[in-house]
Amino acid sequence: IANMAYAVFQGLMYGTRSAIMMDV
């Protein structure tokens, strides 16, 4: 349960973090 929930939020994070770094 914990691992599948974590996979959701980790995936969401990876899909956004690179764009933040491009902004700066």
mmCIF file of all heavy atoms, coordinates in Angstrom:
data_MODEL
# 
_entry.id   MODEL 
# 
loop_
_atom_site.group_PDB 
_atom_site.id 
_atom_site.type_symbol 
_atom_site.label_atom_id 
_atom_site.label_alt_id 
_atom_site.label_comp_id 
_atom_site.label_asym_id 
_atom_site.label_entity_id 
_atom_site.label_seq_id 
_atom_site.pdbx_PDB_ins_code 
_atom_site.Cartn_x 
_atom_site.Cartn_y 
_atom_site.Cartn_z 
_atom_site.occupancy 
_atom_site.B_iso_or_equiv 
_atom_site.pdbx_formal_charge 
_atom_site.auth_seq_id 
_atom_site.auth_comp_id 
_atom_site.auth_asym_id 
_atom_site.auth_atom_id 
_atom_site.pdbx_PDB_model_num 
ATOM 1   N N   . ILE A 1 1  ? 0.836  -1.209 0.000   1.00 0.00 ? 1  ILE A N   1 
ATOM 2   C CA  . ILE A 1 1  ? 0.000  0.000  0.000   1.00 0.00 ? 1  ILE A CA  1 
ATOM 3   C C   . ILE A 1 1  ? 0.868  1.255  0.000   1.00 0.00 ? 1  ILE A C   1 
ATOM 4   O O   . ILE A 1 1  ? 0.673  2.178  -0.801  1.00 0.00 ? 1  ILE A O   1 
ATOM 5   C CB  . ILE A 1 1  ? -0.942 0.002  1.228   1.00 0.00 ? 1  ILE A CB  1 
ATOM 6   C CG1 . ILE A 1 1  ? -1.955 -1.141 1.115   1.00 0.00 ? 1  ILE A CG1 1 
ATOM 7   C CG2 . ILE A 1 1  ? -1.652 1.350  1.363   1.00 0.00 ? 1  ILE A CG2 1 
ATOM 8   C CD1 . ILE A 1 1  ? -2.805 -1.332 2.356   1.00 0.00 ? 1  ILE A CD1 1 
ATOM 9   N N   . ALA A 1 2  ? 1.854  1.286  0.911   1.00 0.00 ? 2  ALA A N   1 
ATOM 10  C CA  . ALA A 1 2  ? 2.712  2.464  1.020   1.00 0.00 ? 2  ALA A CA  1 
ATOM 11  C C   . ALA A 1 2  ? 3.538  2.661  -0.249  1.00 0.00 ? 2  ALA A C   1 
ATOM 12  O O   . ALA A 1 2  ? 3.694  3.789  -0.738  1.00 0.00 ? 2  ALA A O   1 
ATOM 13  C CB  . ALA A 1 2  ? 3.629  2.314  2.233   1.00 0.00 ? 2  ALA A CB  1 
ATOM 14  N N   . ASN A 1 3  ? 4.038  1.567  -0.799  1.00 0.00 ? 3  ASN A N   1 
ATOM 15  C CA  . ASN A 1 3  ? 4.922  1.677  -1.949  1.00 0.00 ? 3  ASN A CA  1 
ATOM 16  C C   . ASN A 1 3  ? 4.179  2.140  -3.202  1.00 0.00 ? 3  ASN A C   1 
ATOM 17  O O   . ASN A 1 3  ? 4.699  2.951  -3.982  1.00 0.00 ? 3  ASN A O   1 
ATOM 18  C CB  . ASN A 1 3  ? 5.591  0.328  -2.224  1.00 0.00 ? 3  ASN A CB  1 
ATOM 19  C CG  . ASN A 1 3  ? 6.924  0.474  -2.914  1.00 0.00 ? 3  ASN A CG  1 
ATOM 20  O OD1 . ASN A 1 3  ? 7.874  0.980  -2.324  1.00 0.00 ? 3  ASN A OD1 1 
ATOM 21  N ND2 . ASN A 1 3  ? 6.999  0.064  -4.158  1.00 0.00 ? 3  ASN A ND2 1 
ATOM 22  N N   . MET A 1 4  ? 2.968  1.653  -3.418  1.00 0.00 ? 4  MET A N   1 
ATOM 23  C CA  . MET A 1 4  ? 2.211  2.066  -4.590  1.00 0.00 ? 4  MET A CA  1 
ATOM 24  C C   . MET A 1 4  ? 1.785  3.534  -4.481  1.00 0.00 ? 4  MET A C   1 
ATOM 25  O O   . MET A 1 4  ? 1.812  4.279  -5.474  1.00 0.00 ? 4  MET A O   1 
ATOM 26  C CB  . MET A 1 4  ? 0.992  1.165  -4.776  1.00 0.00 ? 4  MET A CB  1 
ATOM 27  C CG  . MET A 1 4  ? 1.333  -0.292 -5.106  1.00 0.00 ? 4  MET A CG  1 
ATOM 28  S SD  . MET A 1 4  ? 2.445  -0.468 -6.532  1.00 0.00 ? 4  MET A SD  1 
ATOM 29  C CE  . MET A 1 4  ? 1.400  0.187  -7.826  1.00 0.00 ? 4  MET A CE  1 
ATOM 30  N N   . ALA A 1 5  ? 1.401  3.957  -3.270  1.00 0.00 ? 5  ALA A N   1 
ATOM 31  C CA  . ALA A 1 5  ? 1.053  5.365  -3.074  1.00 0.00 ? 5  ALA A CA  1 
ATOM 32  C C   . ALA A 1 5  ? 2.282  6.244  -3.302  1.00 0.00 ? 5  ALA A C   1 
ATOM 33  O O   . ALA A 1 5  ? 2.205  7.318  -3.916  1.00 0.00 ? 5  ALA A O   1 
ATOM 34  C CB  . ALA A 1 5  ? 0.497  5.583  -1.670  1.00 0.00 ? 5  ALA A CB  1 
ATOM 35  N N   . TYR A 1 6  ? 3.408  5.779  -2.803  1.00 0.00 ? 6  TYR A N   1 
ATOM 36  C CA  . TYR A 1 6  ? 4.652  6.537  -2.986  1.00 0.00 ? 6  TYR A CA  1 
ATOM 37  C C   . TYR A 1 6  ? 5.007  6.651  -4.462  1.00 0.00 ? 6  TYR A C   1 
ATOM 38  O O   . TYR A 1 6  ? 5.456  7.711  -4.922  1.00 0.00 ? 6  TYR A O   1 
ATOM 39  C CB  . TYR A 1 6  ? 5.778  5.837  -2.219  1.00 0.00 ? 6  TYR A CB  1 
ATOM 40  C CG  . TYR A 1 6  ? 7.128  6.503  -2.378  1.00 0.00 ? 6  TYR A CG  1 
ATOM 41  C CD1 . TYR A 1 6  ? 7.472  7.589  -1.579  1.00 0.00 ? 6  TYR A CD1 1 
ATOM 42  C CD2 . TYR A 1 6  ? 8.051  6.047  -3.316  1.00 0.00 ? 6  TYR A CD2 1 
ATOM 43  C CE1 . TYR A 1 6  ? 8.707  8.202  -1.720  1.00 0.00 ? 6  TYR A CE1 1 
ATOM 44  C CE2 . TYR A 1 6  ? 9.281  6.662  -3.464  1.00 0.00 ? 6  TYR A CE2 1 
ATOM 45  C CZ  . TYR A 1 6  ? 9.607  7.730  -2.664  1.00 0.00 ? 6  TYR A CZ  1 
ATOM 46  O OH  . TYR A 1 6  ? 10.833 8.335  -2.808  1.00 0.00 ? 6  TYR A OH  1 
ATOM 47  N N   . ALA A 1 7  ? 4.806  5.578  -5.225  1.00 0.00 ? 7  ALA A N   1 
ATOM 48  C CA  . ALA A 1 7  ? 5.126  5.584  -6.660  1.00 0.00 ? 7  ALA A CA  1 
ATOM 49  C C   . ALA A 1 7  ? 4.322  6.651  -7.394  1.00 0.00 ? 7  ALA A C   1 
ATOM 50  O O   . ALA A 1 7  ? 4.824  7.286  -8.343  1.00 0.00 ? 7  ALA A O   1 
ATOM 51  C CB  . ALA A 1 7  ? 4.861  4.210  -7.259  1.00 0.00 ? 7  ALA A CB  1 
ATOM 52  N N   . VAL A 1 8  ? 3.082  6.866  -6.965  1.00 0.00 ? 8  VAL A N   1 
ATOM 53  C CA  . VAL A 1 8  ? 2.237  7.890  -7.589  1.00 0.00 ? 8  VAL A CA  1 
ATOM 54  C C   . VAL A 1 8  ? 2.857  9.273  -7.404  1.00 0.00 ? 8  VAL A C   1 
ATOM 55  O O   . VAL A 1 8  ? 3.066  10.021 -8.368  1.00 0.00 ? 8  VAL A O   1 
ATOM 56  C CB  . VAL A 1 8  ? 0.818  7.854  -6.996  1.00 0.00 ? 8  VAL A CB  1 
ATOM 57  C CG1 . VAL A 1 8  ? 0.013  9.072  -7.460  1.00 0.00 ? 8  VAL A CG1 1 
ATOM 58  C CG2 . VAL A 1 8  ? 0.105  6.569  -7.383  1.00 0.00 ? 8  VAL A CG2 1 
ATOM 59  N N   . PHE A 1 9  ? 3.163  9.626  -6.154  1.00 0.00 ? 9  PHE A N   1 
ATOM 60  C CA  . PHE A 1 9  ? 3.666  10.973 -5.878  1.00 0.00 ? 9  PHE A CA  1 
ATOM 61  C C   . PHE A 1 9  ? 5.097  11.160 -6.373  1.00 0.00 ? 9  PHE A C   1 
ATOM 62  O O   . PHE A 1 9  ? 5.468  12.253 -6.797  1.00 0.00 ? 9  PHE A O   1 
ATOM 63  C CB  . PHE A 1 9  ? 3.567  11.265 -4.380  1.00 0.00 ? 9  PHE A CB  1 
ATOM 64  C CG  . PHE A 1 9  ? 2.157  11.302 -3.876  1.00 0.00 ? 9  PHE A CG  1 
ATOM 65  C CD1 . PHE A 1 9  ? 1.705  10.368 -2.953  1.00 0.00 ? 9  PHE A CD1 1 
ATOM 66  C CD2 . PHE A 1 9  ? 1.270  12.256 -4.341  1.00 0.00 ? 9  PHE A CD2 1 
ATOM 67  C CE1 . PHE A 1 9  ? 0.403  10.391 -2.497  1.00 0.00 ? 9  PHE A CE1 1 
ATOM 68  C CE2 . PHE A 1 9  ? -0.039 12.296 -3.890  1.00 0.00 ? 9  PHE A CE2 1 
ATOM 69  C CZ  . PHE A 1 9  ? -0.478 11.362 -2.969  1.00 0.00 ? 9  PHE A CZ  1 
ATOM 70  N N   . GLN A 1 10 ? 5.895  10.088 -6.340  1.00 0.00 ? 10 GLN A N   1 
ATOM 71  C CA  . GLN A 1 10 ? 7.239  10.191 -6.882  1.00 0.00 ? 10 GLN A CA  1 
ATOM 72  C C   . GLN A 1 10 ? 7.196  10.450 -8.391  1.00 0.00 ? 10 GLN A C   1 
ATOM 73  O O   . GLN A 1 10 ? 7.948  11.275 -8.913  1.00 0.00 ? 10 GLN A O   1 
ATOM 74  C CB  . GLN A 1 10 ? 8.029  8.921  -6.593  1.00 0.00 ? 10 GLN A CB  1 
ATOM 75  C CG  . GLN A 1 10 ? 9.491  9.005  -7.049  1.00 0.00 ? 10 GLN A CG  1 
ATOM 76  C CD  . GLN A 1 10 ? 10.203 7.675  -6.969  1.00 0.00 ? 10 GLN A CD  1 
ATOM 77  O OE1 . GLN A 1 10 ? 9.664  6.646  -7.362  1.00 0.00 ? 10 GLN A OE1 1 
ATOM 78  N NE2 . GLN A 1 10 ? 11.417 7.679  -6.440  1.00 0.00 ? 10 GLN A NE2 1 
ATOM 79  N N   . GLY A 1 11 ? 6.315  9.756  -9.096  1.00 0.00 ? 11 GLY A N   1 
ATOM 80  C CA  . GLY A 1 11 ? 6.167  9.978  -10.524 1.00 0.00 ? 11 GLY A CA  1 
ATOM 81  C C   . GLY A 1 11 ? 5.700  11.389 -10.834 1.00 0.00 ? 11 GLY A C   1 
ATOM 82  O O   . GLY A 1 11 ? 6.220  12.047 -11.745 1.00 0.00 ? 11 GLY A O   1 
ATOM 83  N N   . LEU A 1 12 ? 4.717  11.884 -10.077 1.00 0.00 ? 12 LEU A N   1 
ATOM 84  C CA  . LEU A 1 12 ? 4.247  13.252 -10.267 1.00 0.00 ? 12 LEU A CA  1 
ATOM 85  C C   . LEU A 1 12 ? 5.383  14.249 -10.067 1.00 0.00 ? 12 LEU A C   1 
ATOM 86  O O   . LEU A 1 12 ? 5.516  15.235 -10.804 1.00 0.00 ? 12 LEU A O   1 
ATOM 87  C CB  . LEU A 1 12 ? 3.103  13.546 -9.293  1.00 0.00 ? 12 LEU A CB  1 
ATOM 88  C CG  . LEU A 1 12 ? 1.798  12.769 -9.501  1.00 0.00 ? 12 LEU A CG  1 
ATOM 89  C CD1 . LEU A 1 12 ? 0.841  13.021 -8.342  1.00 0.00 ? 12 LEU A CD1 1 
ATOM 90  C CD2 . LEU A 1 12 ? 1.134  13.170 -10.820 1.00 0.00 ? 12 LEU A CD2 1 
ATOM 91  N N   . MET A 1 13 ? 6.213  13.981 -9.050  1.00 0.00 ? 13 MET A N   1 
ATOM 92  C CA  . MET A 1 13 ? 7.336  14.880 -8.754  1.00 0.00 ? 13 MET A CA  1 
ATOM 93  C C   . MET A 1 13 ? 8.349  14.889 -9.894  1.00 0.00 ? 13 MET A C   1 
ATOM 94  O O   . MET A 1 13 ? 8.776  15.953 -10.347 1.00 0.00 ? 13 MET A O   1 
ATOM 95  C CB  . MET A 1 13 ? 8.003  14.440 -7.448  1.00 0.00 ? 13 MET A CB  1 
ATOM 96  C CG  . MET A 1 13 ? 9.197  15.302 -7.024  1.00 0.00 ? 13 MET A CG  1 
ATOM 97  S SD  . MET A 1 13 ? 10.786 14.796 -7.764  1.00 0.00 ? 13 MET A SD  1 
ATOM 98  C CE  . MET A 1 13 ? 11.010 13.175 -7.046  1.00 0.00 ? 13 MET A CE  1 
ATOM 99  N N   . TYR A 1 14 ? 8.719  13.705 -10.393 1.00 0.00 ? 14 TYR A N   1 
ATOM 100 C CA  . TYR A 1 14 ? 9.705  13.632 -11.459 1.00 0.00 ? 14 TYR A CA  1 
ATOM 101 C C   . TYR A 1 14 ? 9.213  14.333 -12.722 1.00 0.00 ? 14 TYR A C   1 
ATOM 102 O O   . TYR A 1 14 ? 10.005 14.878 -13.502 1.00 0.00 ? 14 TYR A O   1 
ATOM 103 C CB  . TYR A 1 14 ? 10.041 12.174 -11.781 1.00 0.00 ? 14 TYR A CB  1 
ATOM 104 C CG  . TYR A 1 14 ? 11.187 11.626 -10.968 1.00 0.00 ? 14 TYR A CG  1 
ATOM 105 C CD1 . TYR A 1 14 ? 11.007 10.537 -10.114 1.00 0.00 ? 14 TYR A CD1 1 
ATOM 106 C CD2 . TYR A 1 14 ? 12.449 12.191 -11.047 1.00 0.00 ? 14 TYR A CD2 1 
ATOM 107 C CE1 . TYR A 1 14 ? 12.056 10.025 -9.367  1.00 0.00 ? 14 TYR A CE1 1 
ATOM 108 C CE2 . TYR A 1 14 ? 13.502 11.693 -10.309 1.00 0.00 ? 14 TYR A CE2 1 
ATOM 109 C CZ  . TYR A 1 14 ? 13.299 10.611 -9.470  1.00 0.00 ? 14 TYR A CZ  1 
ATOM 110 O OH  . TYR A 1 14 ? 14.345 10.121 -8.733  1.00 0.00 ? 14 TYR A OH  1 
ATOM 111 N N   . GLY A 1 15 ? 7.912  14.322 -12.945 1.00 0.00 ? 15 GLY A N   1 
ATOM 112 C CA  . GLY A 1 15 ? 7.368  14.964 -14.132 1.00 0.00 ? 15 GLY A CA  1 
ATOM 113 C C   . GLY A 1 15 ? 7.393  16.477 -14.077 1.00 0.00 ? 15 GLY A C   1 
ATOM 114 O O   . GLY A 1 15 ? 7.124  17.157 -15.063 1.00 0.00 ? 15 GLY A O   1 
ATOM 115 N N   . THR A 1 16 ? 7.720  17.032 -12.895 1.00 0.00 ? 16 THR A N   1 
ATOM 116 C CA  . THR A 1 16 ? 7.674  18.481 -12.697 1.00 0.00 ? 16 THR A CA  1 
ATOM 117 C C   . THR A 1 16 ? 9.019  19.076 -12.339 1.00 0.00 ? 16 THR A C   1 
ATOM 118 O O   . THR A 1 16 ? 9.329  20.209 -12.704 1.00 0.00 ? 16 THR A O   1 
ATOM 119 C CB  . THR A 1 16 ? 6.658  18.817 -11.576 1.00 0.00 ? 16 THR A CB  1 
ATOM 120 O OG1 . THR A 1 16 ? 5.412  18.178 -11.869 1.00 0.00 ? 16 THR A OG1 1 
ATOM 121 C CG2 . THR A 1 16 ? 6.436  20.312 -11.466 1.00 0.00 ? 16 THR A CG2 1 
ATOM 122 N N   . ARG A 1 17 ? 9.847  18.314 -11.625 1.00 0.00 ? 17 ARG A N   1 
ATOM 123 C CA  . ARG A 1 17 ? 11.074 18.877 -11.065 1.00 0.00 ? 17 ARG A CA  1 
ATOM 124 C C   . ARG A 1 17 ? 12.004 19.435 -12.136 1.00 0.00 ? 17 ARG A C   1 
ATOM 125 O O   . ARG A 1 17 ? 12.581 20.520 -11.968 1.00 0.00 ? 17 ARG A O   1 
ATOM 126 C CB  . ARG A 1 17 ? 11.807 17.808 -10.246 1.00 0.00 ? 17 ARG A CB  1 
ATOM 127 C CG  . ARG A 1 17 ? 13.052 18.317 -9.563  1.00 0.00 ? 17 ARG A CG  1 
ATOM 128 C CD  . ARG A 1 17 ? 13.750 17.233 -8.777  1.00 0.00 ? 17 ARG A CD  1 
ATOM 129 N NE  . ARG A 1 17 ? 14.164 16.121 -9.612  1.00 0.00 ? 17 ARG A NE  1 
ATOM 130 C CZ  . ARG A 1 17 ? 15.001 15.170 -9.200  1.00 0.00 ? 17 ARG A CZ  1 
ATOM 131 N NH1 . ARG A 1 17 ? 15.482 15.214 -7.975  1.00 0.00 ? 17 ARG A NH1 1 
ATOM 132 N NH2 . ARG A 1 17 ? 15.332 14.179 -10.012 1.00 0.00 ? 17 ARG A NH2 1 
ATOM 133 N N   . SER A 1 18 ? 12.158 18.709 -13.242 1.00 0.00 ? 18 SER A N   1 
ATOM 134 C CA  . SER A 1 18 ? 13.072 19.177 -14.283 1.00 0.00 ? 18 SER A CA  1 
ATOM 135 C C   . SER A 1 18 ? 12.650 20.530 -14.834 1.00 0.00 ? 18 SER A C   1 
ATOM 136 O O   . SER A 1 18 ? 13.485 21.384 -15.134 1.00 0.00 ? 18 SER A O   1 
ATOM 137 C CB  . SER A 1 18 ? 13.156 18.151 -15.418 1.00 0.00 ? 18 SER A CB  1 
ATOM 138 O OG  . SER A 1 18 ? 13.749 16.957 -14.973 1.00 0.00 ? 18 SER A OG  1 
ATOM 139 N N   . ALA A 1 19 ? 11.324 20.730 -14.962 1.00 0.00 ? 19 ALA A N   1 
ATOM 140 C CA  . ALA A 1 19 ? 10.830 22.002 -15.483 1.00 0.00 ? 19 ALA A CA  1 
ATOM 141 C C   . ALA A 1 19 ? 11.172 23.153 -14.540 1.00 0.00 ? 19 ALA A C   1 
ATOM 142 O O   . ALA A 1 19 ? 11.487 24.268 -14.985 1.00 0.00 ? 19 ALA A O   1 
ATOM 143 C CB  . ALA A 1 19 ? 9.321  21.927 -15.697 1.00 0.00 ? 19 ALA A CB  1 
ATOM 144 N N   . ILE A 1 20 ? 11.127 22.904 -13.230 1.00 0.00 ? 20 ILE A N   1 
ATOM 145 C CA  . ILE A 1 20 ? 11.493 23.930 -12.251 1.00 0.00 ? 20 ILE A CA  1 
ATOM 146 C C   . ILE A 1 20 ? 12.946 24.342 -12.427 1.00 0.00 ? 20 ILE A C   1 
ATOM 147 O O   . ILE A 1 20 ? 13.293 25.529 -12.400 1.00 0.00 ? 20 ILE A O   1 
ATOM 148 C CB  . ILE A 1 20 ? 11.257 23.403 -10.817 1.00 0.00 ? 20 ILE A CB  1 
ATOM 149 C CG1 . ILE A 1 20 ? 9.758  23.349 -10.508 1.00 0.00 ? 20 ILE A CG1 1 
ATOM 150 C CG2 . ILE A 1 20 ? 11.984 24.278 -9.792  1.00 0.00 ? 20 ILE A CG2 1 
ATOM 151 C CD1 . ILE A 1 20 ? 9.123  24.683 -10.260 1.00 0.00 ? 20 ILE A CD1 1 
ATOM 152 N N   . MET A 1 21 ? 13.811 23.351 -12.622 1.00 0.00 ? 21 MET A N   1 
ATOM 153 C CA  . MET A 1 21 ? 15.231 23.661 -12.779 1.00 0.00 ? 21 MET A CA  1 
ATOM 154 C C   . MET A 1 21 ? 15.476 24.435 -14.074 1.00 0.00 ? 21 MET A C   1 
ATOM 155 O O   . MET A 1 21 ? 16.376 25.275 -14.136 1.00 0.00 ? 21 MET A O   1 
ATOM 156 C CB  . MET A 1 21 ? 16.065 22.385 -12.757 1.00 0.00 ? 21 MET A CB  1 
ATOM 157 C CG  . MET A 1 21 ? 15.872 21.508 -11.538 1.00 0.00 ? 21 MET A CG  1 
ATOM 158 S SD  . MET A 1 21 ? 15.853 22.408 -9.964  1.00 0.00 ? 21 MET A SD  1 
ATOM 159 C CE  . MET A 1 21 ? 17.485 23.116 -9.943  1.00 0.00 ? 21 MET A CE  1 
ATOM 160 N N   . MET A 1 22 ? 14.673 24.169 -15.110 1.00 0.00 ? 22 MET A N   1 
ATOM 161 C CA  . MET A 1 22 ? 14.805 24.928 -16.353 1.00 0.00 ? 22 MET A CA  1 
ATOM 162 C C   . MET A 1 22 ? 14.423 26.391 -16.141 1.00 0.00 ? 22 MET A C   1 
ATOM 163 O O   . MET A 1 22 ? 14.982 27.292 -16.775 1.00 0.00 ? 22 MET A O   1 
ATOM 164 C CB  . MET A 1 22 ? 13.934 24.311 -17.443 1.00 0.00 ? 22 MET A CB  1 
ATOM 165 C CG  . MET A 1 22 ? 14.411 22.952 -17.920 1.00 0.00 ? 22 MET A CG  1 
ATOM 166 S SD  . MET A 1 22 ? 13.294 22.254 -19.164 1.00 0.00 ? 22 MET A SD  1 
ATOM 167 C CE  . MET A 1 22 ? 13.947 20.580 -19.265 1.00 0.00 ? 22 MET A CE  1 
ATOM 168 N N   . ASP A 1 23 ? 13.474 26.639 -15.222 1.00 0.00 ? 23 ASP A N   1 
ATOM 169 C CA  . ASP A 1 23 ? 13.027 28.001 -14.968 1.00 0.00 ? 23 ASP A CA  1 
ATOM 170 C C   . ASP A 1 23 ? 14.148 28.882 -14.428 1.00 0.00 ? 23 ASP A C   1 
ATOM 171 O O   . ASP A 1 23 ? 14.168 30.089 -14.676 1.00 0.00 ? 23 ASP A O   1 
ATOM 172 C CB  . ASP A 1 23 ? 11.862 28.003 -13.973 1.00 0.00 ? 23 ASP A CB  1 
ATOM 173 C CG  . ASP A 1 23 ? 10.568 27.506 -14.600 1.00 0.00 ? 23 ASP A CG  1 
ATOM 174 O OD1 . ASP A 1 23 ? 10.503 27.447 -15.840 1.00 0.00 ? 23 ASP A OD1 1 
ATOM 175 O OD2 . ASP A 1 23 ? 9.640  27.164 -13.847 1.00 0.00 ? 23 ASP A OD2 1 
ATOM 176 N N   . VAL A 1 24 ? 15.062 28.293 -13.644 1.00 0.00 ? 24 VAL A N   1 
ATOM 177 C CA  . VAL A 1 24 ? 16.131 29.090 -13.039 1.00 0.00 ? 24 VAL A CA  1 
ATOM 178 C C   . VAL A 1 24 ? 17.443 28.950 -13.805 1.00 0.00 ? 24 VAL A C   1 
ATOM 179 O O   . VAL A 1 24 ? 18.488 29.414 -13.355 1.00 0.00 ? 24 VAL A O   1 
ATOM 180 C CB  . VAL A 1 24 ? 16.339 28.690 -11.559 1.00 0.00 ? 24 VAL A CB  1 
ATOM 181 C CG1 . VAL A 1 24 ? 15.087 28.976 -10.755 1.00 0.00 ? 24 VAL A CG1 1 
ATOM 182 C CG2 . VAL A 1 24 ? 16.735 27.229 -11.431 1.00 0.00 ? 24 VAL A CG2 1 
# 
